[in-house]
Amino acid sequence: MEKVKRFYRGLSPKRKLVFWVCIGIVSISVIRIGVWQATKGVSTSPRQYLKKLYSQEPSERKLAMYMLGISGIKQSLPELEKILKEDRAPDIKRTAAWSIGKLNMEKLISLFDSTEKGTKDIVMETLLNLDKNNIYTLLKKFPAEDMDTKVKILTYAEKSKDKNVYKEVLKIGEAKEEAIPIRKEALEIAAKNIPFSDIESTLWNLYYNDPEQEIKEFSYTLIKELKEKK
C-alpha cells in the first residue's frame, strides 16, 4: 500500500487525473460485471411470465400480467381471463383486465357481458381507461343492461366531455321503453351539457307528447330551469 502511495505522490497533476479516470472506468466495469452475473440466470421468456401468474407474491403476479400485456403474448389470454373471472383481489383483476385489453380489445369488450358484478365493473372501468371512445360501445350495450349498470354508464358518459356522447344520452332520455328514473337521469345529464338551443325542441316534444306524466313534468321543469339560466 505504501508503494502505491509513493507512486501516486510522484505523479504530475495531469497523470493523477488520468489515474482517477482509470480507477473510475475499472469501478464501473466491475459493477456492470456484477449486475450481469446477478441477472444472467433470469429468464424473460413467456413461459417464465406465465409461471409467475400464480406466484404467492401479488407484486410478482401483477408484474407478470403487465409484461405479458405489453409484450403482446396472446397465448396468455386464457390464463388472464381466468384470473379476471376468479381472483378476488380487485387490483389483480384490474391488472388482468388491462393486459387482456392490451392484447385483444374485442376480448375485453366481450367480458363486459359477465354476470359477476365485480368483474363487469372492472371491465367497464378498464375499457374506458384504455380508450375513452369505448363509451360508445357501452352505450350500444345500454338497453340490455340492468339498472345499476345503466346508472354507471350514464355516470361515465357525463364525465366524457364529448358532445356526441351527450347526444346519445339524450336519446336514452327520449326512449319510452327505458325506466323513468333512467330517462330522467339521462335528460338531466343532457340538459346540463347540451346548449339549450339544441335541446329545447326535444324537451318541448316530451312535454307535449310523452305518454308518461312524470317525464312531461320533468321536461317542463328542465325547460324552466334552462330558461332562467340564459
Foldseek 3Di string as FASTA:
>chain_A
DVVVVVVLVPDDPVVNVVVVVVVVVVVVVVVVVVVCVVCVVPDPDLVVLLVQCPPPDVVSNLVSLQSCQVVLVCVCLVVLVCCLPPPDDLVSNLSSLLSNCSNPVVVLLVQCPDPDVSSVVSSVVNNCVVPVVCLVVVLVCLVVDDPVSLVVSLVSLLVSLDLVSLVSLQVQLVDLPDDNVSNLSSVVSSLVRPQCVVCVVVLVCCLPPPPDPVSNVSSVVSNVVNVVVD
